[in-house]
Amino acid sequence: MSYYDIDAILTDAEKIPCTFQIDVPDLGYLDNQPGHTLKSGSRVALPIWLAEMLAIANTGAVDMDDPSQSSKSFITFDLPQALGNDVVQALKADPRSVPLRDQSAHFYALATHMMELSEEPELSAVLRKTFVSRAAEIVLHARKVGGGGSSYHGRDGGGAGGKGKGKATKDDNASNLGVGGAGEDFLRGLDEWERKLFRSAHDGTKASKEWMENVKKR
């Protein structure tokens, strides 16, 4: 990860739910209580970069009466809503039906970061299946646009997505989302990783087509 990677910076700024394990003086404003102590058990949303440091660090204190309470972490954290049970269950049912961008513009980067901080084997398996399923769909759509088989000019515009004429290509039939409303909704829901994949597949298809046309002219 580059220090100047804007996507990484924005991902680290995503907030996750955290629970403080100790009392912290003068931090009550985080819980809408300015000037007060932030009590142990208080739940606040903190950016990942800060939550990670507080979760890894410990107080260093030694409790002689209860050694198990010695050197507690400052906070514990839960998965953010973008990776909550409702989203995971929806992804299990049909990965392509979930607009990931509505959950987070950096959905996969957020999920990857969270899995580095905690063990979530089920989430890892679901995300792997989600990425593979959606990547295949993304490449199909990119090939349609890049290869000139169809274009997204709106539901009433030209091209295969609207009322324009033209035969359906093999790629058009390969996706059951089609190139109209459902296909456009799917593309609008791509997160940043998926948008980069779409652009790469689109540019690759376009370059391949141009190369083939140049070969034919020789």
C-alpha atoms as a PDB file:
ATOM      1  CA  MET A   1       0.000   0.000   0.000  1.00  0.00           C
ATOM      2  CA  SER A   2       1.357   3.379  -0.995  1.00  0.00           C
ATOM      3  CA  TYR A   3       1.412   6.145   1.580  1.00  0.00           C
ATOM      4  CA  TYR A   4      -0.210   8.388  -1.020  1.00  0.00           C
ATOM      5  CA  ASP A   5      -2.894   5.864  -2.052  1.00  0.00           C
ATOM      6  CA  ILE A   6      -6.105   7.901  -1.734  1.00  0.00           C
ATOM      7  CA  ASP A   7      -8.271   4.754  -1.667  1.00  0.00           C
ATOM      8  CA  ALA A   8      -6.247   3.376   1.259  1.00  0.00           C
ATOM      9  CA  ILE A   9      -6.557   6.691   3.091  1.00  0.00           C
ATOM     10  CA  LEU A  10     -10.327   6.764   2.606  1.00  0.00           C
ATOM     11  CA  THR A  11     -10.618   3.147   3.723  1.00  0.00           C
ATOM     12  CA  ASP A  12      -8.690   3.867   6.929  1.00  0.00           C
ATOM     13  CA  ALA A  13     -11.091   6.759   7.585  1.00  0.00           C
ATOM     14  CA  GLU A  14     -14.130   4.430   7.577  1.00  0.00           C
ATOM     15  CA  LYS A  15     -15.672   4.256  11.046  1.00  0.00           C
ATOM     16  CA  ILE A  16     -16.370   1.053  12.951  1.00  0.00           C
ATOM     17  CA  PRO A  17     -18.302   0.492  16.217  1.00  0.00           C
ATOM     18  CA  CYS A  18     -15.998   0.293  19.242  1.00  0.00           C
ATOM     19  CA  THR A  19     -16.519  -0.328  22.959  1.00  0.00           C
ATOM     20  CA  PHE A  20     -14.140   1.221  25.483  1.00  0.00           C
ATOM     21  CA  GLN A  21     -12.844  -1.184  28.127  1.00  0.00           C
ATOM     22  CA  ILE A  22     -11.591   1.465  30.549  1.00  0.00           C
ATOM     23  CA  ASP A  23     -12.592   4.892  31.818  1.00  0.00           C
ATOM     24  CA  VAL A  24     -10.847   7.687  29.886  1.00  0.00           C
ATOM     25  CA  PRO A  25     -10.846  11.187  31.414  1.00  0.00           C
ATOM     26  CA  ASP A  26     -11.944  14.166  29.304  1.00  0.00           C
ATOM     27  CA  LEU A  27     -13.072  12.081  26.324  1.00  0.00           C
ATOM     28  CA  GLY A  28     -16.751  12.271  27.143  1.00  0.00           C
ATOM     29  CA  TYR A  29     -17.320  14.423  24.059  1.00  0.00           C
ATOM     30  CA  LEU A  30     -16.991  11.254  21.979  1.00  0.00           C
ATOM     31  CA  ASP A  31     -20.205  10.122  23.652  1.00  0.00           C
ATOM     32  CA  ASN A  32     -21.885  13.555  23.492  1.00  0.00           C
ATOM     33  CA  GLN A  33     -20.852  14.373  27.080  1.00  0.00           C
ATOM     34  CA  PRO A  34     -18.239  17.155  26.820  1.00  0.00           C
ATOM     35  CA  GLY A  35     -16.107  17.650  29.919  1.00  0.00           C
ATOM     36  CA  HIS A  36     -16.939  14.237  31.366  1.00  0.00           C
ATOM     37  CA  THR A  37     -15.063  10.961  31.596  1.00  0.00           C
ATOM     38  CA  LEU A  38     -15.743   8.435  28.869  1.00  0.00           C
ATOM     39  CA  LYS A  39     -16.942   5.446  30.872  1.00  0.00           C
ATOM     40  CA  SER A  40     -15.952   1.846  30.360  1.00  0.00           C
ATOM     41  CA  GLY A  41     -18.592   0.150  28.199  1.00  0.00           C
ATOM     42  CA  SER A  42     -19.293   3.279  26.149  1.00  0.00           C
ATOM     43  CA  ARG A  43     -19.866   2.502  22.450  1.00  0.00           C
ATOM     44  CA  VAL A  44     -18.522   5.002  19.928  1.00  0.00           C
ATOM     45  CA  ALA A  45     -17.689   4.945  16.232  1.00  0.00           C
ATOM     46  CA  LEU A  46     -13.983   5.435  15.527  1.00  0.00           C
ATOM     47  CA  PRO A  47     -12.015   5.514  12.254  1.00  0.00           C
ATOM     48  CA  ILE A  48     -10.217   2.261  11.516  1.00  0.00           C
ATOM     49  CA  TRP A  49      -6.736   3.768  11.805  1.00  0.00           C
ATOM     50  CA  LEU A  50      -7.450   4.862  15.396  1.00  0.00           C
ATOM     51  CA  ALA A  51      -9.463   1.792  16.396  1.00  0.00           C
ATOM     52  CA  GLU A  52      -6.652  -0.470  15.224  1.00  0.00           C
ATOM     53  CA  MET A  53      -4.051   1.282  17.370  1.00  0.00           C
ATOM     54  CA  LEU A  54      -6.280   1.303  20.463  1.00  0.00           C
ATOM     55  CA  ALA A  55      -7.239  -2.349  20.046  1.00  0.00           C
ATOM     56  CA  ILE A  56      -3.631  -3.494  19.726  1.00  0.00           C
ATOM     57  CA  ALA A  57      -2.300  -1.303  22.533  1.00  0.00           C
ATOM     58  CA  ASN A  58      -2.926  -2.136  26.183  1.00  0.00           C
ATOM     59  CA  THR A  59      -3.024  -0.127  29.366  1.00  0.00           C
ATOM     60  CA  GLY A  60       0.075  -1.731  30.866  1.00  0.00           C
ATOM     61  CA  ALA A  61      -1.596  -1.636  34.270  1.00  0.00           C
ATOM     62  CA  VAL A  62      -1.326  -4.499  36.734  1.00  0.00           C
ATOM     63  CA  ASP A  63      -4.376  -5.422  38.813  1.00  0.00           C
ATOM     64  CA  MET A  64      -3.116  -7.313  41.892  1.00  0.00           C
ATOM     65  CA  ASP A  65      -6.651  -8.207  42.983  1.00  0.00           C
ATOM     66  CA  ASP A  66      -7.668  -9.616  39.582  1.00  0.00           C
ATOM     67  CA  PRO A  67      -4.697 -10.464  37.326  1.00  0.00           C
ATOM     68  CA  SER A  68      -7.068 -11.334  34.465  1.00  0.00           C
ATOM     69  CA  GLN A  69      -7.940  -7.651  34.239  1.00  0.00           C
ATOM     70  CA  SER A  70      -4.310  -6.564  33.883  1.00  0.00           C
ATOM     71  CA  SER A  71      -3.121  -4.908  30.675  1.00  0.00           C
ATOM     72  CA  LYS A  72      -6.537  -4.728  29.044  1.00  0.00           C
ATOM     73  CA  SER A  73      -6.905  -3.338  25.558  1.00  0.00           C
ATOM     74  CA  PHE A  74      -8.334   0.143  25.430  1.00  0.00           C
ATOM     75  CA  ILE A  75     -11.190  -0.952  23.175  1.00  0.00           C
ATOM     76  CA  THR A  76     -12.871  -3.879  21.495  1.00  0.00           C
ATOM     77  CA  PHE A  77     -14.571  -3.489  18.134  1.00  0.00           C
ATOM     78  CA  ASP A  78     -17.324  -5.061  16.045  1.00  0.00           C
ATOM     79  CA  LEU A  79     -17.742  -5.410  12.310  1.00  0.00           C
ATOM     80  CA  PRO A  80     -19.194  -2.286  10.666  1.00  0.00           C
ATOM     81  CA  GLN A  81     -22.746  -2.293   9.301  1.00  0.00           C
ATOM     82  CA  ALA A  82     -21.374  -2.688   5.772  1.00  0.00           C
ATOM     83  CA  LEU A  83     -20.207  -6.180   6.796  1.00  0.00           C
ATOM     84  CA  GLY A  84     -23.133  -6.961   9.082  1.00  0.00           C
ATOM     85  CA  ASN A  85     -25.178 -10.152   9.113  1.00  0.00           C
ATOM     86  CA  ASP A  86     -27.890  -8.781   6.787  1.00  0.00           C
ATOM     87  CA  VAL A  87     -25.331  -7.944   4.123  1.00  0.00           C
ATOM     88  CA  VAL A  88     -23.536 -11.274   4.499  1.00  0.00           C
ATOM     89  CA  GLN A  89     -26.793 -13.230   4.176  1.00  0.00           C
ATOM     90  CA  ALA A  90     -27.745 -11.239   1.070  1.00  0.00           C
ATOM     91  CA  LEU A  91     -24.347 -11.986  -0.461  1.00  0.00           C
ATOM     92  CA  LYS A  92     -24.797 -15.678   0.285  1.00  0.00           C
ATOM     93  CA  ALA A  93     -28.152 -15.644  -1.509  1.00  0.00           C
ATOM     94  CA  ASP A  94     -26.990 -13.794  -4.646  1.00  0.00           C
ATOM     95  CA  PRO A  95     -23.718 -11.803  -4.671  1.00  0.00           C
ATOM     96  CA  ARG A  96     -24.717  -9.901  -7.808  1.00  0.00           C
ATOM     97  CA  SER A  97     -27.925  -8.557  -6.280  1.00  0.00           C
ATOM     98  CA  VAL A  98     -26.178  -6.487  -3.594  1.00  0.00           C
ATOM     99  CA  PRO A  99     -25.079  -2.947  -4.534  1.00  0.00           C
ATOM    100  CA  LEU A 100     -21.763  -2.992  -2.687  1.00  0.00           C
ATOM    101  CA  ARG A 101     -21.196   0.713  -3.241  1.00  0.00           C
ATOM    102  CA  ASP A 102     -24.274   1.441  -1.116  1.00  0.00           C
ATOM    103  CA  GLN A 103     -22.536  -0.348   1.761  1.00  0.00           C
ATOM    104  CA  SER A 104     -19.142   1.288   1.230  1.00  0.00           C
ATOM    105  CA  ALA A 105     -17.379   2.778  -1.775  1.00  0.00           C
ATOM    106  CA  HIS A 106     -14.323   0.777  -0.654  1.00  0.00           C
ATOM    107  CA  PHE A 107     -16.187  -2.380   0.352  1.00  0.00           C
ATOM    108  CA  TYR A 108     -13.487  -4.990  -0.383  1.00  0.00           C
ATOM    109  CA  ALA A 109     -10.689  -2.851   1.044  1.00  0.00           C
ATOM    110  CA  LEU A 110     -12.733  -2.337   4.219  1.00  0.00           C
ATOM    111  CA  ALA A 111     -13.491  -6.058   4.467  1.00  0.00           C
ATOM    112  CA  THR A 112      -9.849  -6.996   3.911  1.00  0.00           C
ATOM    113  CA  HIS A 113      -8.713  -4.596   6.618  1.00  0.00           C
ATOM    114  CA  MET A 114     -11.282  -5.925   9.083  1.00  0.00           C
ATOM    115  CA  MET A 115     -10.265  -9.532   8.427  1.00  0.00           C
ATOM    116  CA  GLU A 116      -6.657  -8.581   9.169  1.00  0.00           C
ATOM    117  CA  LEU A 117      -7.776  -7.354  12.588  1.00  0.00           C
ATOM    118  CA  SER A 118     -10.039 -10.264  13.508  1.00  0.00           C
ATOM    119  CA  GLU A 119     -10.646 -13.874  12.567  1.00  0.00           C
ATOM    120  CA  GLU A 120     -13.769 -14.106  10.411  1.00  0.00           C
ATOM    121  CA  PRO A 121     -13.534 -17.394   8.445  1.00  0.00           C
ATOM    122  CA  GLU A 122     -17.171 -17.290   7.314  1.00  0.00           C
ATOM    123  CA  LEU A 123     -16.852 -13.716   6.089  1.00  0.00           C
ATOM    124  CA  SER A 124     -13.666 -14.610   4.219  1.00  0.00           C
ATOM    125  CA  ALA A 125     -15.397 -17.466   2.382  1.00  0.00           C
ATOM    126  CA  VAL A 126     -18.435 -15.344   1.517  1.00  0.00           C
ATOM    127  CA  LEU A 127     -16.300 -12.485   0.187  1.00  0.00           C
ATOM    128  CA  ARG A 128     -14.180 -14.831  -1.899  1.00  0.00           C
ATOM    129  CA  LYS A 129     -17.289 -16.276  -3.540  1.00  0.00           C
ATOM    130  CA  THR A 130     -18.754 -12.783  -3.932  1.00  0.00           C
ATOM    131  CA  PHE A 131     -15.694 -11.394  -5.694  1.00  0.00           C
ATOM    132  CA  VAL A 132     -15.398 -14.340  -8.088  1.00  0.00           C
ATOM    133  CA  SER A 133     -19.103 -14.264  -9.000  1.00  0.00           C
ATOM    134  CA  ARG A 134     -19.240 -10.516  -9.476  1.00  0.00           C
ATOM    135  CA  ALA A 135     -15.883 -10.355 -11.300  1.00  0.00           C
ATOM    136  CA  ALA A 136     -17.180 -12.700 -13.995  1.00  0.00           C
ATOM    137  CA  GLU A 137     -20.252 -10.502 -14.425  1.00  0.00           C
ATOM    138  CA  ILE A 138     -18.133  -7.333 -14.521  1.00  0.00           C
ATOM    139  CA  VAL A 139     -15.877  -8.711 -17.247  1.00  0.00           C
ATOM    140  CA  LEU A 140     -18.894  -9.696 -19.350  1.00  0.00           C
ATOM    141  CA  HIS A 141     -20.314  -6.179 -19.137  1.00  0.00           C
ATOM    142  CA  ALA A 142     -16.911  -4.652 -19.867  1.00  0.00           C
ATOM    143  CA  ARG A 143     -16.532  -6.818 -22.978  1.00  0.00           C
ATOM    144  CA  LYS A 144     -19.939  -5.738 -24.228  1.00  0.00           C
ATOM    145  CA  VAL A 145     -19.066  -2.075 -23.902  1.00  0.00           C
ATOM    146  CA  GLY A 146     -15.431  -2.356 -24.951  1.00  0.00           C
ATOM    147  CA  GLY A 147     -16.169  -4.650 -27.874  1.00  0.00           C
ATOM    148  CA  GLY A 148     -18.875  -2.433 -29.253  1.00  0.00           C
ATOM    149  CA  GLY A 149     -21.542  -5.093 -28.848  1.00  0.00           C
ATOM    150  CA  SER A 150     -23.655  -2.721 -26.802  1.00  0.00           C
ATOM    151  CA  SER A 151     -23.443   0.504 -24.857  1.00  0.00           C
ATOM    152  CA  TYR A 152     -25.042   2.024 -21.803  1.00  0.00           C
ATOM    153  CA  HIS A 153     -26.797   5.155 -22.997  1.00  0.00           C
ATOM    154  CA  GLY A 154     -29.771   4.813 -20.715  1.00  0.00           C
ATOM    155  CA  ARG A 155     -32.780   2.569 -20.875  1.00  0.00           C
ATOM    156  CA  ASP A 156     -34.368   4.382 -23.806  1.00  0.00           C
ATOM    157  CA  GLY A 157     -31.177   5.192 -25.705  1.00  0.00           C
ATOM    158  CA  GLY A 158     -29.445   3.394 -28.557  1.00  0.00           C
ATOM    159  CA  GLY A 159     -27.395   0.240 -28.347  1.00  0.00           C
ATOM    160  CA  ALA A 160     -28.470  -3.074 -26.920  1.00  0.00           C
ATOM    161  CA  GLY A 161     -29.534  -1.431 -23.680  1.00  0.00           C
ATOM    162  CA  GLY A 162     -32.231   0.639 -25.341  1.00  0.00           C
ATOM    163  CA  LYS A 163     -34.285   0.670 -28.522  1.00  0.00           C
ATOM    164  CA  GLY A 164     -31.346   0.688 -30.934  1.00  0.00           C
ATOM    165  CA  LYS A 165     -31.060  -2.105 -33.461  1.00  0.00           C
ATOM    166  CA  GLY A 166     -28.426  -4.800 -33.452  1.00  0.00           C
ATOM    167  CA  LYS A 167     -27.990  -8.473 -32.796  1.00  0.00           C
ATOM    168  CA  ALA A 168     -27.409  -9.828 -29.332  1.00  0.00           C
ATOM    169  CA  THR A 169     -23.867 -11.098 -28.985  1.00  0.00           C
ATOM    170  CA  LYS A 170     -22.697 -14.258 -27.265  1.00  0.00           C
ATOM    171  CA  ASP A 171     -21.651 -12.118 -24.294  1.00  0.00           C
ATOM    172  CA  ASP A 172     -25.117 -10.541 -24.109  1.00  0.00           C
ATOM    173  CA  ASN A 173     -26.636 -13.989 -23.615  1.00  0.00           C
ATOM    174  CA  ALA A 174     -23.991 -15.063 -21.107  1.00  0.00           C
ATOM    175  CA  SER A 175     -25.289 -12.723 -18.411  1.00  0.00           C
ATOM    176  CA  ASN A 176     -28.806 -13.166 -17.093  1.00  0.00           C
ATOM    177  CA  LEU A 177     -28.749  -9.584 -15.835  1.00  0.00           C
ATOM    178  CA  GLY A 178     -29.006  -8.342 -19.408  1.00  0.00           C
ATOM    179  CA  VAL A 179     -27.849  -4.948 -20.584  1.00  0.00           C
ATOM    180  CA  GLY A 180     -30.898  -2.934 -19.553  1.00  0.00           C
ATOM    181  CA  GLY A 181     -32.095  -1.820 -16.124  1.00  0.00           C
ATOM    182  CA  ALA A 182     -30.752  -4.718 -14.040  1.00  0.00           C
ATOM    183  CA  GLY A 183     -27.352  -4.567 -15.735  1.00  0.00           C
ATOM    184  CA  GLU A 184     -27.064  -0.821 -15.255  1.00  0.00           C
ATOM    185  CA  ASP A 185     -28.072  -1.100 -11.596  1.00  0.00           C
ATOM    186  CA  PHE A 186     -25.403  -3.762 -11.128  1.00  0.00           C
ATOM    187  CA  LEU A 187     -22.700  -1.524 -12.614  1.00  0.00           C
ATOM    188  CA  ARG A 188     -23.757   1.439 -10.497  1.00  0.00           C
ATOM    189  CA  GLY A 189     -23.297  -0.724  -7.382  1.00  0.00           C
ATOM    190  CA  LEU A 190     -19.632  -1.575  -8.053  1.00  0.00           C
ATOM    191  CA  ASP A 191     -17.137  -0.645  -5.367  1.00  0.00           C
ATOM    192  CA  GLU A 192     -13.764   0.935  -6.219  1.00  0.00           C
ATOM    193  CA  TRP A 193     -11.917  -2.375  -6.696  1.00  0.00           C
ATOM    194  CA  GLU A 194     -14.632  -3.555  -9.055  1.00  0.00           C
ATOM    195  CA  ARG A 195     -14.633  -0.280 -10.997  1.00  0.00           C
ATOM    196  CA  LYS A 196     -10.902  -0.675 -11.566  1.00  0.00           C
ATOM    197  CA  LEU A 197     -11.512  -4.230 -12.786  1.00  0.00           C
ATOM    198  CA  PHE A 198     -14.228  -2.981 -15.143  1.00  0.00           C
ATOM    199  CA  ARG A 199     -11.949  -0.295 -16.576  1.00  0.00           C
ATOM    200  CA  SER A 200      -9.090  -2.777 -17.054  1.00  0.00           C
ATOM    201  CA  ALA A 201     -11.351  -5.322 -18.781  1.00  0.00           C
ATOM    202  CA  HIS A 202     -12.933  -2.605 -20.915  1.00  0.00           C
ATOM    203  CA  ASP A 203      -9.578  -1.163 -21.991  1.00  0.00           C
ATOM    204  CA  GLY A 204      -8.195  -4.634 -22.689  1.00  0.00           C
ATOM    205  CA  THR A 205     -11.171  -5.568 -24.862  1.00  0.00           C
ATOM    206  CA  LYS A 206     -10.984  -2.281 -26.736  1.00  0.00           C
ATOM    207  CA  ALA A 207      -7.237  -2.643 -27.322  1.00  0.00           C
ATOM    208  CA  SER A 208      -7.682  -6.228 -28.549  1.00  0.00           C
ATOM    209  CA  LYS A 209     -10.368  -5.139 -30.997  1.00  0.00           C
ATOM    210  CA  GLU A 210      -8.198  -2.316 -32.351  1.00  0.00           C
ATOM    211  CA  TRP A 211      -5.262  -4.705 -32.754  1.00  0.00           C
ATOM    212  CA  MET A 212      -7.389  -7.216 -34.662  1.00  0.00           C
ATOM    213  CA  GLU A 213      -8.692  -4.490 -36.959  1.00  0.00           C
ATOM    214  CA  ASN A 214      -5.133  -3.326 -37.689  1.00  0.00           C
ATOM    215  CA  VAL A 215      -4.083  -6.907 -38.482  1.00  0.00           C
ATOM    216  CA  LYS A 216      -6.957  -7.293 -40.939  1.00  0.00           C
ATOM    217  CA  LYS A 217      -5.934  -4.119 -42.762  1.00  0.00           C
ATOM    218  CA  ARG A 218      -2.444  -5.384 -43.466  1.00  0.00           C
END
